[in-house]
Protein backbone atom coordinates (compact mmCIF):
# COMPACT_ATOMS: atom_id res chain seq x y z
CA MET A 1 64.08 114.33 133.88
CA LEU A 2 66.96 111.82 134.48
CA LEU A 3 66.42 108.27 133.78
CA ALA A 4 67.03 105.58 136.46
CA ALA A 5 70.47 104.09 136.30
CA SER A 6 69.09 100.58 135.55
CA SER A 7 67.01 102.07 132.71
CA VAL A 8 69.94 103.75 131.26
CA ALA A 9 72.12 100.53 131.42
CA ASP A 10 69.33 98.64 129.72
CA ARG A 11 68.88 101.20 126.90
CA ILE A 12 72.68 101.22 126.33
CA SER A 13 72.80 97.43 126.19
CA LEU A 14 69.97 97.30 123.71
CA ALA A 15 71.66 99.90 121.55
CA GLU A 16 74.83 97.82 121.61
CA ASP A 17 72.75 94.72 120.56
CA ALA A 18 71.25 96.65 117.68
CA LEU A 19 74.62 97.98 116.41
CA ALA A 20 76.38 94.54 116.67
CA GLU A 21 73.54 92.74 114.94
CA ALA A 22 73.19 95.19 112.06
CA GLY A 23 74.25 93.47 108.85
CA ALA A 24 75.10 90.33 110.77
CA GLU A 25 73.78 86.87 111.27
CA VAL A 26 72.64 86.12 114.77
CA VAL A 27 72.98 82.52 116.00
CA ALA A 28 71.03 81.76 119.18
CA THR A 29 72.65 79.27 121.46
CA ARG A 30 71.88 77.92 125.00
CA TYR A 31 74.39 80.23 126.58
CA GLY A 32 74.36 83.37 124.42
CA ARG A 33 73.92 84.97 121.06
CA VAL A 34 76.62 84.54 118.50
CA ILE A 35 76.86 87.42 116.07
CA ARG A 36 78.86 86.93 112.90
CA GLN A 37 79.64 88.69 109.76
CA ALA A 38 80.92 86.08 107.36
CA ALA A 39 82.58 88.64 105.01
CA PHE A 40 84.70 89.91 107.70
CA PRO A 41 85.87 87.02 109.93
CA HIS A 42 88.93 88.66 111.33
CA VAL A 43 87.05 91.59 112.89
CA TYR A 44 86.63 90.97 116.59
CA ASP A 45 83.67 93.32 117.16
CA ALA A 46 81.86 91.85 113.99
CA ASN A 47 82.17 88.28 115.25
CA LEU A 48 81.42 88.09 118.92
CA VAL A 49 79.07 86.70 121.58
CA ARG A 50 76.55 88.87 123.44
CA ARG A 51 74.09 88.04 126.18
CA VAL A 52 76.45 85.54 127.64
CA ARG A 53 75.36 83.14 130.33
CA LEU A 54 78.12 81.15 131.75
CA ARG A 55 78.17 78.43 134.42
CA GLU A 56 81.21 76.69 135.81
CA GLU A 57 79.93 73.16 135.28
CA ALA A 58 78.96 73.99 131.62
CA LEU A 59 81.87 76.31 130.69
CA ASP A 60 83.54 74.18 128.08
CA ASP A 61 80.28 73.22 126.49
CA ALA A 62 79.33 76.97 126.25
CA LEU A 63 82.75 77.99 124.89
CA GLU A 64 82.61 75.24 122.06
CA GLU A 65 78.93 76.17 121.30
CA PHE A 66 80.07 79.72 120.75
CA ALA A 67 83.08 78.84 118.75
CA GLN A 68 81.50 76.52 116.23
CA PRO A 69 79.41 79.00 114.24
CA LEU A 70 82.41 81.39 114.38
CA ARG A 71 84.82 78.87 112.98
CA ALA A 72 82.36 78.11 110.26
CA VAL A 73 83.01 81.56 108.80
CA GLY A 74 86.72 81.61 109.37
CA ALA A 75 86.82 83.51 112.69
CA ARG A 76 89.61 82.09 114.88
CA HIS A 77 89.19 84.39 117.84
CA LEU A 78 86.40 84.23 120.50
CA GLN A 79 85.17 87.44 122.11
CA LEU A 80 82.52 87.43 124.93
CA THR A 81 80.87 90.76 125.75
CA LEU A 82 79.19 91.00 129.11
CA ASP A 83 77.58 94.32 129.53
CA GLY A 84 75.77 94.44 132.87
CA ALA A 85 76.41 90.72 133.64
CA ASP A 86 80.01 90.12 134.53
CA VAL A 87 81.18 86.61 134.92
CA PRO A 88 81.10 85.21 138.51
CA ASP A 89 84.39 85.52 140.33
CA ALA A 90 84.96 81.76 140.24
CA LEU A 91 84.84 81.68 136.40
CA ALA A 92 87.54 84.41 135.73
CA PRO A 93 90.55 82.23 136.57
CA LEU A 94 88.97 79.46 134.56
CA LEU A 95 88.59 81.70 131.48
CA ARG A 96 92.21 82.79 131.88
CA ARG A 97 93.46 79.15 132.03
CA ARG A 98 91.65 78.66 128.59
CA GLY A 99 93.57 81.57 126.95
CA PHE A 100 91.16 84.50 127.57
CA ILE A 101 92.21 88.00 128.58
CA ARG A 102 90.06 90.50 130.09
CA ASP A 103 89.37 94.15 128.98
CA ARG A 104 87.36 96.48 131.33
CA LEU A 105 85.29 98.92 129.37
CA LEU A 106 83.20 101.92 130.53
CA ALA A 107 80.08 103.13 129.10
CA MET A 108 80.14 106.93 129.56
CA THR A 109 77.09 109.15 129.30
CA LEU A 110 76.44 112.90 128.95
CA ASP A 111 73.56 114.12 131.03
CA GLY A 112 74.01 117.92 130.64
CA PRO A 113 75.85 120.52 128.45
CA LEU A 114 79.28 120.00 127.15
CA LEU A 115 81.87 121.61 129.32
CA ARG A 116 84.41 122.50 126.62
CA GLY A 117 84.12 124.01 123.10
CA ARG A 118 85.19 122.80 119.70
CA VAL A 119 88.35 124.03 117.96
CA PRO A 120 87.93 126.08 114.82
CA GLY A 121 88.87 124.87 111.38
CA VAL A 122 87.78 121.19 111.81
CA THR A 123 84.97 120.05 109.59
CA LEU A 124 83.12 116.72 109.82
CA LYS A 125 82.12 115.18 106.35
CA ARG A 126 79.70 112.32 106.19
CA VAL A 127 80.70 109.37 104.12
CA PRO A 128 79.87 108.74 101.35
CA GLU A 129 77.72 111.79 100.72
CA GLU A 130 80.45 114.44 101.52
CA ALA A 131 83.58 112.23 101.48
CA PRO A 132 84.45 108.82 99.88
CA TRP A 133 84.83 105.66 101.66
CA ASP A 134 88.63 105.72 100.55
CA SER A 135 89.27 108.70 102.81
CA PHE A 136 87.68 106.84 105.71
CA ALA A 137 89.68 103.72 104.91
CA PHE A 138 92.91 105.76 104.65
CA ALA A 139 92.39 107.33 108.05
CA MET A 140 91.29 104.02 109.77
CA ASP A 141 94.40 102.29 108.29
CA ARG A 142 96.78 105.02 109.58
CA MET A 143 95.44 104.64 113.10
CA ASN A 144 95.10 100.99 112.96
CA ARG A 145 98.83 100.65 112.25
CA GLU A 146 99.49 101.43 115.92
CA GLU A 147 97.68 98.31 117.05
CA ALA A 148 99.53 95.11 117.82
CA TRP A 149 97.06 93.10 115.59
CA TYR A 150 97.50 95.34 112.54
CA ALA A 151 97.52 93.83 109.08
CA PRO A 152 96.27 95.74 106.01
CA SER A 153 93.82 93.14 105.22
CA VAL A 154 92.33 93.24 108.74
CA SER A 155 92.11 97.04 108.62
CA MET A 156 90.09 96.85 105.37
CA GLU A 157 87.79 94.27 106.85
CA ILE A 158 87.00 96.69 109.71
CA VAL A 159 86.09 99.33 107.18
CA GLY A 160 84.12 96.76 105.34
CA SER A 161 82.07 95.73 108.39
CA MET A 162 81.34 99.41 109.20
CA ARG A 163 80.26 100.00 105.57
CA ALA A 164 77.96 97.13 105.61
CA LYS A 165 76.28 98.40 108.68
CA SER A 166 76.13 101.99 107.23
CA GLU A 167 74.42 100.85 104.07
CA ARG A 168 71.74 99.29 106.16
CA GLY A 169 71.11 102.63 107.84
CA ALA A 170 72.47 101.33 111.28
CA LEU A 171 75.16 103.91 111.61
CA GLU A 172 76.88 106.98 110.11
CA VAL A 173 80.58 107.45 109.69
CA TYR A 174 82.41 110.73 109.16
CA VAL A 175 85.93 111.89 108.37
CA ALA A 176 87.28 115.08 110.02
CA GLU A 177 89.18 117.55 107.71
CA ARG A 178 91.35 120.54 108.49
CA ASP A 179 93.01 122.50 105.75
CA ARG A 180 91.46 119.99 103.28
CA ARG A 181 93.44 117.04 104.93
CA VAL A 182 91.81 114.15 106.62
CA VAL A 183 92.75 114.24 110.34
CA GLY A 184 90.38 111.90 112.08
CA THR A 185 87.25 109.69 112.01
CA VAL A 186 84.03 109.23 114.21
CA GLY A 187 80.98 107.17 113.99
CA LEU A 188 77.41 107.70 115.16
CA ALA A 189 74.56 105.30 115.73
CA ILE A 190 71.06 106.07 116.96
CA HIS A 191 68.66 103.56 118.16
CA ARG A 192 65.39 104.47 119.86
CA GLY A 193 66.67 107.67 121.10
CA VAL A 194 69.98 106.37 122.23
CA ALA A 195 72.95 107.66 120.36
CA SER A 196 76.25 105.84 120.47
CA ILE A 197 79.57 107.69 119.48
CA PHE A 198 82.35 105.36 118.41
CA SER A 199 85.57 105.08 116.34
CA VAL A 200 86.75 108.41 117.72
CA GLY A 201 90.27 108.71 116.23
CA THR A 202 92.87 111.27 115.24
CA LEU A 203 95.73 110.69 113.03
CA PRO A 204 99.12 110.86 114.70
CA GLU A 205 100.12 114.17 113.17
CA ALA A 206 96.95 115.88 114.26
CA ARG A 207 96.82 114.95 117.87
CA ARG A 208 96.90 117.29 120.93
CA ARG A 209 95.16 120.02 118.91
CA GLY A 210 91.60 119.57 120.03
CA VAL A 211 90.52 117.49 117.00
CA GLY A 212 89.32 114.44 119.14
CA ARG A 213 87.17 116.74 121.43
CA THR A 214 85.77 118.45 118.33
CA LEU A 215 84.78 115.14 116.77
CA VAL A 216 82.87 114.23 119.98
CA ILE A 217 81.28 117.70 120.40
CA ASP A 218 80.05 117.74 116.69
CA SER A 219 78.78 114.18 117.10
CA VAL A 220 76.81 115.14 120.29
CA ALA A 221 75.12 118.03 118.45
CA ARG A 222 74.16 115.87 115.52
CA ALA A 223 72.76 113.24 117.95
CA ARG A 224 70.62 115.66 119.86
CA ALA A 225 69.48 117.35 116.61
CA ALA A 226 68.21 113.95 115.50
CA GLY A 227 66.14 113.65 118.74
CA ALA A 228 68.49 111.37 120.96
CA ASP A 229 67.90 111.96 124.72
CA LEU A 230 70.68 109.63 125.79
CA VAL A 231 74.17 109.90 124.34
CA TYR A 232 76.89 107.67 125.24
CA LEU A 233 80.40 106.25 124.17
CA ILE A 234 82.64 103.35 125.39
CA ALA A 235 86.05 103.86 126.61
CA ARG A 236 88.69 101.50 128.04
CA SER A 237 89.07 101.87 131.82
CA ASP A 238 92.94 101.93 131.51
CA ASP A 239 93.19 104.26 128.57
CA SER A 240 93.53 108.02 128.30
CA PRO A 241 90.60 108.85 126.06
CA LYS A 242 88.29 108.56 129.04
CA ASP A 243 89.88 111.44 130.76
CA MET A 244 89.22 113.66 127.73
CA TYR A 245 85.52 112.48 127.67
CA ARG A 246 85.31 113.41 131.51
CA LYS A 247 86.55 116.86 130.78
CA LEU A 248 83.83 117.24 128.15
CA GLY A 249 81.10 116.27 130.75
CA PHE A 250 80.83 112.59 130.26
CA HIS A 251 80.68 110.25 133.31
CA ALA A 252 81.04 106.51 133.70
CA GLU A 253 77.61 105.03 133.89
CA LEU A 254 78.50 101.40 133.92
CA GLY A 255 81.41 99.17 133.58
CA PHE A 256 81.52 95.85 131.76
CA ASP A 257 84.02 93.16 130.69
CA VAL A 258 85.03 91.82 127.36
CA TRP A 259 86.88 88.56 127.45
CA LEU A 260 88.90 87.77 124.36
CA ARG A 261 90.62 84.56 123.26
CA LEU A 262 93.15 85.52 120.53
CA PRO A 263 93.30 83.58 117.32
CA ARG A 264 95.03 80.26 117.59
């Protein structure tokens, strides 16, 4: 039986809360929940605000209340995640004037069978039981080099943040190998029957060979074998991976905004 759309959205939001808060400190404010990992201050998704409640007359107060606990651990950015509760239209230009940029994301779910098959020769190895953290860090660093924010230290912080969550049992990470060479990464988190697939990435030299879809297909199989009845992933609305996910059978369940003020 299919779940009602609102129930699916609520379950996804709660799963995102659990993943963000694992291995982190949560600071409750009047306007939202500040989540921070003091050891990894430069990682946007490890230091952010969720459950944001913004009003025009208190906007600057709210932004300062969010920024203070993040500055205390060395984070100089400010990321507001609004799943299911986009900011009012009147606030969007005000946030832009204060240096924020908006990124529209899609939570995509899989209700039925996968529509395409995996490619042979690609093997997922769980970290650290079947592959070392160094292999995962190597792959992440190779892919992160393509990002505008890239710095080796930040790339290592991202891996450190994921490792801290993994060691608390909040998620699993895998490297993909082909011909004994690392060709990609993927992560899987399961919370109360809801499985999140994330960090799907393929090294540049291994792209357009079905590696990415195999990472997703194998992760779906692992999630369902573990009892998950809802499987989702997050894709940017203006990026090409969402098209691959649609071809596999995923559909956009809900859209939400992330507002980011870059370090200054």
